[in-house]
mmCIF file of all heavy atoms, coordinates in Angstrom:
data_MODEL
# 
_entry.id   MODEL 
# 
loop_
_atom_site.group_PDB 
_atom_site.id 
_atom_site.type_symbol 
_atom_site.label_atom_id 
_atom_site.label_alt_id 
_atom_site.label_comp_id 
_atom_site.label_asym_id 
_atom_site.label_entity_id 
_atom_site.label_seq_id 
_atom_site.pdbx_PDB_ins_code 
_atom_site.Cartn_x 
_atom_site.Cartn_y 
_atom_site.Cartn_z 
_atom_site.occupancy 
_atom_site.B_iso_or_equiv 
_atom_site.pdbx_formal_charge 
_atom_site.auth_seq_id 
_atom_site.auth_comp_id 
_atom_site.auth_asym_id 
_atom_site.auth_atom_id 
_atom_site.pdbx_PDB_model_num 
ATOM 1   N N   . TYR A 1 1  ? 0.839   -1.193  0.000  1.00 0.00 ? 1  TYR A N   1 
ATOM 2   C CA  . TYR A 1 1  ? 0.000   0.000   0.000  1.00 0.00 ? 1  TYR A CA  1 
ATOM 3   C C   . TYR A 1 1  ? 0.878   1.248   0.000  1.00 0.00 ? 1  TYR A C   1 
ATOM 4   O O   . TYR A 1 1  ? 2.084   1.190   0.244  1.00 0.00 ? 1  TYR A O   1 
ATOM 5   C CB  . TYR A 1 1  ? -0.918  0.005   1.226  1.00 0.00 ? 1  TYR A CB  1 
ATOM 6   C CG  . TYR A 1 1  ? -1.780  -1.230  1.356  1.00 0.00 ? 1  TYR A CG  1 
ATOM 7   C CD1 . TYR A 1 1  ? -1.380  -2.293  2.158  1.00 0.00 ? 1  TYR A CD1 1 
ATOM 8   C CD2 . TYR A 1 1  ? -2.990  -1.322  0.675  1.00 0.00 ? 1  TYR A CD2 1 
ATOM 9   C CE1 . TYR A 1 1  ? -2.170  -3.435  2.282  1.00 0.00 ? 1  TYR A CE1 1 
ATOM 10  C CE2 . TYR A 1 1  ? -3.787  -2.454  0.781  1.00 0.00 ? 1  TYR A CE2 1 
ATOM 11  C CZ  . TYR A 1 1  ? -3.366  -3.507  1.595  1.00 0.00 ? 1  TYR A CZ  1 
ATOM 12  O OH  . TYR A 1 1  ? -4.148  -4.623  1.701  1.00 0.00 ? 1  TYR A OH  1 
ATOM 13  N N   . ASN A 1 2  ? 0.233   2.375   -0.235 1.00 0.00 ? 2  ASN A N   1 
ATOM 14  C CA  . ASN A 1 2  ? 0.918   3.653   -0.104 1.00 0.00 ? 2  ASN A CA  1 
ATOM 15  C C   . ASN A 1 2  ? 0.829   4.088   1.363  1.00 0.00 ? 2  ASN A C   1 
ATOM 16  O O   . ASN A 1 2  ? 1.673   3.730   2.161  1.00 0.00 ? 2  ASN A O   1 
ATOM 17  C CB  . ASN A 1 2  ? 0.309   4.690   -1.051 1.00 0.00 ? 2  ASN A CB  1 
ATOM 18  C CG  . ASN A 1 2  ? 1.048   6.005   -1.021 1.00 0.00 ? 2  ASN A CG  1 
ATOM 19  O OD1 . ASN A 1 2  ? 2.257   6.031   -0.782 1.00 0.00 ? 2  ASN A OD1 1 
ATOM 20  N ND2 . ASN A 1 2  ? 0.338   7.085   -1.233 1.00 0.00 ? 2  ASN A ND2 1 
ATOM 21  N N   . ALA A 1 3  ? -0.164  4.839   1.728  1.00 0.00 ? 3  ALA A N   1 
ATOM 22  C CA  . ALA A 1 3  ? -0.355  5.257   3.124  1.00 0.00 ? 3  ALA A CA  1 
ATOM 23  C C   . ALA A 1 3  ? -1.391  4.354   3.793  1.00 0.00 ? 3  ALA A C   1 
ATOM 24  O O   . ALA A 1 3  ? -2.475  4.134   3.260  1.00 0.00 ? 3  ALA A O   1 
ATOM 25  C CB  . ALA A 1 3  ? -0.805  6.705   3.191  1.00 0.00 ? 3  ALA A CB  1 
ATOM 26  N N   . VAL A 1 4  ? -1.049  3.836   4.957  1.00 0.00 ? 4  VAL A N   1 
ATOM 27  C CA  . VAL A 1 4  ? -1.976  3.031   5.751  1.00 0.00 ? 4  VAL A CA  1 
ATOM 28  C C   . VAL A 1 4  ? -2.263  3.778   7.042  1.00 0.00 ? 4  VAL A C   1 
ATOM 29  O O   . VAL A 1 4  ? -1.333  4.178   7.759  1.00 0.00 ? 4  VAL A O   1 
ATOM 30  C CB  . VAL A 1 4  ? -1.384  1.642   6.067  1.00 0.00 ? 4  VAL A CB  1 
ATOM 31  C CG1 . VAL A 1 4  ? -2.307  0.879   7.013  1.00 0.00 ? 4  VAL A CG1 1 
ATOM 32  C CG2 . VAL A 1 4  ? -1.166  0.852   4.786  1.00 0.00 ? 4  VAL A CG2 1 
ATOM 33  N N   . SER A 1 5  ? -3.531  3.972   7.346  1.00 0.00 ? 5  SER A N   1 
ATOM 34  C CA  . SER A 1 5  ? -3.905  4.663   8.573  1.00 0.00 ? 5  SER A CA  1 
ATOM 35  C C   . SER A 1 5  ? -5.059  3.939   9.244  1.00 0.00 ? 5  SER A C   1 
ATOM 36  O O   . SER A 1 5  ? -5.990  3.472   8.583  1.00 0.00 ? 5  SER A O   1 
ATOM 37  C CB  . SER A 1 5  ? -4.279  6.119   8.298  1.00 0.00 ? 5  SER A CB  1 
ATOM 38  O OG  . SER A 1 5  ? -5.420  6.195   7.475  1.00 0.00 ? 5  SER A OG  1 
ATOM 39  N N   . VAL A 1 6  ? -4.965  3.843   10.564 1.00 0.00 ? 6  VAL A N   1 
ATOM 40  C CA  . VAL A 1 6  ? -6.001  3.205   11.373 1.00 0.00 ? 6  VAL A CA  1 
ATOM 41  C C   . VAL A 1 6  ? -6.456  4.203   12.417 1.00 0.00 ? 6  VAL A C   1 
ATOM 42  O O   . VAL A 1 6  ? -5.644  4.721   13.192 1.00 0.00 ? 6  VAL A O   1 
ATOM 43  C CB  . VAL A 1 6  ? -5.489  1.924   12.058 1.00 0.00 ? 6  VAL A CB  1 
ATOM 44  C CG1 . VAL A 1 6  ? -6.563  1.344   12.963 1.00 0.00 ? 6  VAL A CG1 1 
ATOM 45  C CG2 . VAL A 1 6  ? -5.044  0.898   11.017 1.00 0.00 ? 6  VAL A CG2 1 
ATOM 46  N N   . SER A 1 7  ? -7.736  4.484   12.432 1.00 0.00 ? 7  SER A N   1 
ATOM 47  C CA  . SER A 1 7  ? -8.327  5.349   13.446 1.00 0.00 ? 7  SER A CA  1 
ATOM 48  C C   . SER A 1 7  ? -9.492  4.596   14.071 1.00 0.00 ? 7  SER A C   1 
ATOM 49  O O   . SER A 1 7  ? -10.523 4.402   13.434 1.00 0.00 ? 7  SER A O   1 
ATOM 50  C CB  . SER A 1 7  ? -8.812  6.662   12.822 1.00 0.00 ? 7  SER A CB  1 
ATOM 51  O OG  . SER A 1 7  ? -9.432  7.474   13.796 1.00 0.00 ? 7  SER A OG  1 
ATOM 52  N N   . GLY A 1 8  ? -9.274  4.129   15.282 1.00 0.00 ? 8  GLY A N   1 
ATOM 53  C CA  . GLY A 1 8  ? -10.286 3.293   15.933 1.00 0.00 ? 8  GLY A CA  1 
ATOM 54  C C   . GLY A 1 8  ? -9.709  1.929   16.225 1.00 0.00 ? 8  GLY A C   1 
ATOM 55  O O   . GLY A 1 8  ? -8.760  1.786   16.979 1.00 0.00 ? 8  GLY A O   1 
ATOM 56  N N   . SER A 1 9  ? -10.246 0.904   15.560 1.00 0.00 ? 9  SER A N   1 
ATOM 57  C CA  . SER A 1 9  ? -9.793  -0.469  15.774 1.00 0.00 ? 9  SER A CA  1 
ATOM 58  C C   . SER A 1 9  ? -9.514  -1.134  14.431 1.00 0.00 ? 9  SER A C   1 
ATOM 59  O O   . SER A 1 9  ? -10.416 -1.232  13.593 1.00 0.00 ? 9  SER A O   1 
ATOM 60  C CB  . SER A 1 9  ? -10.855 -1.264  16.545 1.00 0.00 ? 9  SER A CB  1 
ATOM 61  O OG  . SER A 1 9  ? -10.482 -2.617  16.692 1.00 0.00 ? 9  SER A OG  1 
ATOM 62  N N   . GLY A 1 10 ? -8.271  -1.571  14.231 1.00 0.00 ? 10 GLY A N   1 
ATOM 63  C CA  . GLY A 1 10 ? -7.912  -2.195  12.966 1.00 0.00 ? 10 GLY A CA  1 
ATOM 64  C C   . GLY A 1 10 ? -7.123  -3.466  13.159 1.00 0.00 ? 10 GLY A C   1 
ATOM 65  O O   . GLY A 1 10 ? -6.381  -3.604  14.138 1.00 0.00 ? 10 GLY A O   1 
ATOM 66  N N   . LYS A 1 11 ? -7.289  -4.385  12.210 1.00 0.00 ? 11 LYS A N   1 
ATOM 67  C CA  . LYS A 1 11 ? -6.551  -5.635  12.266 1.00 0.00 ? 11 LYS A CA  1 
ATOM 68  C C   . LYS A 1 11 ? -5.880  -5.872  10.924 1.00 0.00 ? 11 LYS A C   1 
ATOM 69  O O   . LYS A 1 11 ? -6.516  -5.819  9.877  1.00 0.00 ? 11 LYS A O   1 
ATOM 70  C CB  . LYS A 1 11 ? -7.476  -6.806  12.608 1.00 0.00 ? 11 LYS A CB  1 
ATOM 71  C CG  . LYS A 1 11 ? -6.727  -8.101  12.899 1.00 0.00 ? 11 LYS A CG  1 
ATOM 72  C CD  . LYS A 1 11 ? -7.635  -9.146  13.521 1.00 0.00 ? 11 LYS A CD  1 
ATOM 73  C CE  . LYS A 1 11 ? -6.846  -10.387 13.918 1.00 0.00 ? 11 LYS A CE  1 
ATOM 74  N NZ  . LYS A 1 11 ? -7.717  -11.421 14.535 1.00 0.00 ? 11 LYS A NZ  1 
ATOM 75  N N   . LEU A 1 12 ? -4.546  -6.115  10.965 1.00 0.00 ? 12 LEU A N   1 
ATOM 76  C CA  . LEU A 1 12 ? -3.763  -6.361  9.758  1.00 0.00 ? 12 LEU A CA  1 
ATOM 77  C C   . LEU A 1 12 ? -3.502  -7.857  9.628  1.00 0.00 ? 12 LEU A C   1 
ATOM 78  O O   . LEU A 1 12 ? -3.143  -8.516  10.622 1.00 0.00 ? 12 LEU A O   1 
ATOM 79  C CB  . LEU A 1 12 ? -2.432  -5.615  9.819  1.00 0.00 ? 12 LEU A CB  1 
ATOM 80  C CG  . LEU A 1 12 ? -2.432  -4.101  9.555  1.00 0.00 ? 12 LEU A CG  1 
ATOM 81  C CD1 . LEU A 1 12 ? -3.234  -3.334  10.606 1.00 0.00 ? 12 LEU A CD1 1 
ATOM 82  C CD2 . LEU A 1 12 ? -1.004  -3.571  9.548  1.00 0.00 ? 12 LEU A CD2 1 
ATOM 83  N N   . PHE A 1 13 ? -3.658  -8.378  8.403  1.00 0.00 ? 13 PHE A N   1 
ATOM 84  C CA  . PHE A 1 13 ? -3.461  -9.803  8.178  1.00 0.00 ? 13 PHE A CA  1 
ATOM 85  C C   . PHE A 1 13 ? -2.222  -10.025 7.312  1.00 0.00 ? 13 PHE A C   1 
ATOM 86  O O   . PHE A 1 13 ? -2.013  -9.341  6.306  1.00 0.00 ? 13 PHE A O   1 
ATOM 87  C CB  . PHE A 1 13 ? -4.689  -10.405 7.496  1.00 0.00 ? 13 PHE A CB  1 
ATOM 88  C CG  . PHE A 1 13 ? -5.893  -10.470 8.384  1.00 0.00 ? 13 PHE A CG  1 
ATOM 89  C CD1 . PHE A 1 13 ? -6.780  -9.409  8.439  1.00 0.00 ? 13 PHE A CD1 1 
ATOM 90  C CD2 . PHE A 1 13 ? -6.136  -11.577 9.183  1.00 0.00 ? 13 PHE A CD2 1 
ATOM 91  C CE1 . PHE A 1 13 ? -7.895  -9.456  9.262  1.00 0.00 ? 13 PHE A CE1 1 
ATOM 92  C CE2 . PHE A 1 13 ? -7.241  -11.639 10.015 1.00 0.00 ? 13 PHE A CE2 1 
ATOM 93  C CZ  . PHE A 1 13 ? -8.127  -10.567 10.052 1.00 0.00 ? 13 PHE A CZ  1 
ATOM 94  N N   . GLY A 1 14 ? -1.398  -10.991 7.701  1.00 0.00 ? 14 GLY A N   1 
ATOM 95  C CA  . GLY A 1 14 ? -0.212  -11.323 6.927  1.00 0.00 ? 14 GLY A CA  1 
ATOM 96  C C   . GLY A 1 14 ? 0.800   -10.189 6.935  1.00 0.00 ? 14 GLY A C   1 
ATOM 97  O O   . GLY A 1 14 ? 0.872   -9.384  7.866  1.00 0.00 ? 14 GLY A O   1 
ATOM 98  N N   . GLN A 1 15 ? 1.602   -10.117 5.876  1.00 0.00 ? 15 GLN A N   1 
ATOM 99  C CA  . GLN A 1 15 ? 2.653   -9.106  5.773  1.00 0.00 ? 15 GLN A CA  1 
ATOM 100 C C   . GLN A 1 15 ? 2.111   -7.875  5.054  1.00 0.00 ? 15 GLN A C   1 
ATOM 101 O O   . GLN A 1 15 ? 1.699   -7.946  3.900  1.00 0.00 ? 15 GLN A O   1 
ATOM 102 C CB  . GLN A 1 15 ? 3.850   -9.685  5.009  1.00 0.00 ? 15 GLN A CB  1 
ATOM 103 C CG  . GLN A 1 15 ? 5.057   -8.779  5.005  1.00 0.00 ? 15 GLN A CG  1 
ATOM 104 C CD  . GLN A 1 15 ? 6.223   -9.396  4.259  1.00 0.00 ? 15 GLN A CD  1 
ATOM 105 O OE1 . GLN A 1 15 ? 6.481   -9.081  3.111  1.00 0.00 ? 15 GLN A OE1 1 
ATOM 106 N NE2 . GLN A 1 15 ? 6.939   -10.311 4.930  1.00 0.00 ? 15 GLN A NE2 1 
ATOM 107 N N   . VAL A 1 16 ? 2.142   -6.758  5.759  1.00 0.00 ? 16 VAL A N   1 
ATOM 108 C CA  . VAL A 1 16 ? 1.668   -5.497  5.197  1.00 0.00 ? 16 VAL A CA  1 
ATOM 109 C C   . VAL A 1 16 ? 2.871   -4.614  4.901  1.00 0.00 ? 16 VAL A C   1 
ATOM 110 O O   . VAL A 1 16 ? 3.669   -4.296  5.794  1.00 0.00 ? 16 VAL A O   1 
ATOM 111 C CB  . VAL A 1 16 ? 0.699   -4.782  6.162  1.00 0.00 ? 16 VAL A CB  1 
ATOM 112 C CG1 . VAL A 1 16 ? 0.364   -3.381  5.646  1.00 0.00 ? 16 VAL A CG1 1 
ATOM 113 C CG2 . VAL A 1 16 ? -0.577  -5.599  6.336  1.00 0.00 ? 16 VAL A CG2 1 
ATOM 114 N N   . ARG A 1 17 ? 3.022   -4.213  3.641  1.00 0.00 ? 17 ARG A N   1 
ATOM 115 C CA  . ARG A 1 17 ? 4.091   -3.295  3.221  1.00 0.00 ? 17 ARG A CA  1 
ATOM 116 C C   . ARG A 1 17 ? 3.459   -1.966  2.820  1.00 0.00 ? 17 ARG A C   1 
ATOM 117 O O   . ARG A 1 17 ? 2.439   -1.946  2.119  1.00 0.00 ? 17 ARG A O   1 
ATOM 118 C CB  . ARG A 1 17 ? 4.865   -3.882  2.032  1.00 0.00 ? 17 ARG A CB  1 
ATOM 119 C CG  . ARG A 1 17 ? 5.669   -5.130  2.372  1.00 0.00 ? 17 ARG A CG  1 
ATOM 120 C CD  . ARG A 1 17 ? 6.411   -5.649  1.149  1.00 0.00 ? 17 ARG A CD  1 
ATOM 121 N NE  . ARG A 1 17 ? 7.268   -6.765  1.480  1.00 0.00 ? 17 ARG A NE  1 
ATOM 122 C CZ  . ARG A 1 17 ? 8.537   -6.662  1.855  1.00 0.00 ? 17 ARG A CZ  1 
ATOM 123 N NH1 . ARG A 1 17 ? 9.102   -5.460  1.912  1.00 0.00 ? 17 ARG A NH1 1 
ATOM 124 N NH2 . ARG A 1 17 ? 9.253   -7.719  2.130  1.00 0.00 ? 17 ARG A NH2 1 
ATOM 125 N N   . CYS A 1 18 ? 4.085   -0.879  3.234  1.00 0.00 ? 18 CYS A N   1 
ATOM 126 C CA  . CYS A 1 18 ? 3.500   0.416   2.936  1.00 0.00 ? 18 CYS A CA  1 
ATOM 127 C C   . CYS A 1 18 ? 4.575   1.501   2.918  1.00 0.00 ? 18 CYS A C   1 
ATOM 128 O O   . CYS A 1 18 ? 5.709   1.287   3.373  1.00 0.00 ? 18 CYS A O   1 
ATOM 129 C CB  . CYS A 1 18 ? 2.415   0.773   3.945  1.00 0.00 ? 18 CYS A CB  1 
ATOM 130 S SG  . CYS A 1 18 ? 2.981   0.769   5.665  1.00 0.00 ? 18 CYS A SG  1 
ATOM 131 N N   . ALA A 1 19 ? 4.195   2.673   2.402  1.00 0.00 ? 19 ALA A N   1 
ATOM 132 C CA  . ALA A 1 19 ? 5.107   3.813   2.394  1.00 0.00 ? 19 ALA A CA  1 
ATOM 133 C C   . ALA A 1 19 ? 5.102   4.508   3.743  1.00 0.00 ? 19 ALA A C   1 
ATOM 134 O O   . ALA A 1 19 ? 6.151   4.861   4.276  1.00 0.00 ? 19 ALA A O   1 
ATOM 135 C CB  . ALA A 1 19 ? 4.720   4.786   1.287  1.00 0.00 ? 19 ALA A CB  1 
ATOM 136 N N   . THR A 1 20 ? 3.907   4.732   4.315  1.00 0.00 ? 20 THR A N   1 
ATOM 137 C CA  . THR A 1 20 ? 3.772   5.323   5.652  1.00 0.00 ? 20 THR A CA  1 
ATOM 138 C C   . THR A 1 20 ? 2.692   4.579   6.415  1.00 0.00 ? 20 THR A C   1 
ATOM 139 O O   . THR A 1 20 ? 1.782   3.987   5.815  1.00 0.00 ? 20 THR A O   1 
ATOM 140 C CB  . THR A 1 20 ? 3.420   6.816   5.581  1.00 0.00 ? 20 THR A CB  1 
ATOM 141 O OG1 . THR A 1 20 ? 2.148   6.970   4.928  1.00 0.00 ? 20 THR A OG1 1 
ATOM 142 C CG2 . THR A 1 20 ? 4.492   7.600   4.838  1.00 0.00 ? 20 THR A CG2 1 
ATOM 143 N N   . PHE A 1 21 ? 2.784   4.635   7.742  1.00 0.00 ? 21 PHE A N   1 
ATOM 144 C CA  . PHE A 1 21 ? 1.803   3.936   8.584  1.00 0.00 ? 21 PHE A CA  1 
ATOM 145 C C   . PHE A 1 21 ? 1.498   4.786   9.805  1.00 0.00 ? 21 PHE A C   1 
ATOM 146 O O   . PHE A 1 21 ? 2.403   5.351   10.433 1.00 0.00 ? 21 PHE A O   1 
ATOM 147 C CB  . PHE A 1 21 ? 2.354   2.579   9.034  1.00 0.00 ? 21 PHE A CB  1 
ATOM 148 C CG  . PHE A 1 21 ? 1.408   1.803   9.907  1.00 0.00 ? 21 PHE A CG  1 
ATOM 149 C CD1 . PHE A 1 21 ? 0.424   1.008   9.340  1.00 0.00 ? 21 PHE A CD1 1 
ATOM 150 C CD2 . PHE A 1 21 ? 1.487   1.883   11.289 1.00 0.00 ? 21 PHE A CD2 1 
ATOM 151 C CE1 . PHE A 1 21 ? -0.464  0.296   10.140 1.00 0.00 ? 21 PHE A CE1 1 
ATOM 152 C CE2 . PHE A 1 21 ? 0.609   1.175   12.096 1.00 0.00 ? 21 PHE A CE2 1 
ATOM 153 C CZ  . PHE A 1 21 ? -0.375  0.376   11.517 1.00 0.00 ? 21 PHE A CZ  1 
ATOM 154 N N   . SER A 1 22 ? 0.220   4.860   10.140 1.00 0.00 ? 22 SER A N   1 
ATOM 155 C CA  . SER A 1 22 ? -0.188  5.549   11.365 1.00 0.00 ? 22 SER A CA  1 
ATOM 156 C C   . SER A 1 22 ? -1.376  4.821   11.980 1.00 0.00 ? 22 SER A C   1 
ATOM 157 O O   . SER A 1 22 ? -2.246  4.315   11.266 1.00 0.00 ? 22 SER A O   1 
ATOM 158 C CB  . SER A 1 22 ? -0.552  7.007   11.086 1.00 0.00 ? 22 SER A CB  1 
ATOM 159 O OG  . SER A 1 22 ? -1.689  7.096   10.247 1.00 0.00 ? 22 SER A OG  1 
ATOM 160 N N   . SER A 1 23 ? -1.375  4.768   13.294 1.00 0.00 ? 23 SER A N   1 
ATOM 161 C CA  . SER A 1 23 ? -2.460  4.108   14.007 1.00 0.00 ? 23 SER A CA  1 
ATOM 162 C C   . SER A 1 23 ? -2.776  4.894   15.270 1.00 0.00 ? 23 SER A C   1 
ATOM 163 O O   . SER A 1 23 ? -1.884  5.209   16.056 1.00 0.00 ? 23 SER A O   1 
ATOM 164 C CB  . SER A 1 23 ? -2.086  2.669   14.372 1.00 0.00 ? 23 SER A CB  1 
ATOM 165 O OG  . SER A 1 23 ? -3.089  2.065   15.175 1.00 0.00 ? 23 SER A OG  1 
ATOM 166 N N   . ALA A 1 24 ? -4.037  5.214   15.446 1.00 0.00 ? 24 ALA A N   1 
ATOM 167 C CA  . ALA A 1 24 ? -4.508  5.893   16.651 1.00 0.00 ? 24 ALA A CA  1 
ATOM 168 C C   . ALA A 1 24 ? -5.703  5.101   17.174 1.00 0.00 ? 24 ALA A C   1 
ATOM 169 O O   . ALA A 1 24 ? -6.723  5.003   16.493 1.00 0.00 ? 24 ALA A O   1 
ATOM 170 C CB  . ALA A 1 24 ? -4.908  7.330   16.352 1.00 0.00 ? 24 ALA A CB  1 
# 
């Protein structure tokens, strides 16, 4: 992915590759 952002509740499966990542 390019930008990955999670606001709230998120679940990632397997290997996630991205340019940027943010989680709140």
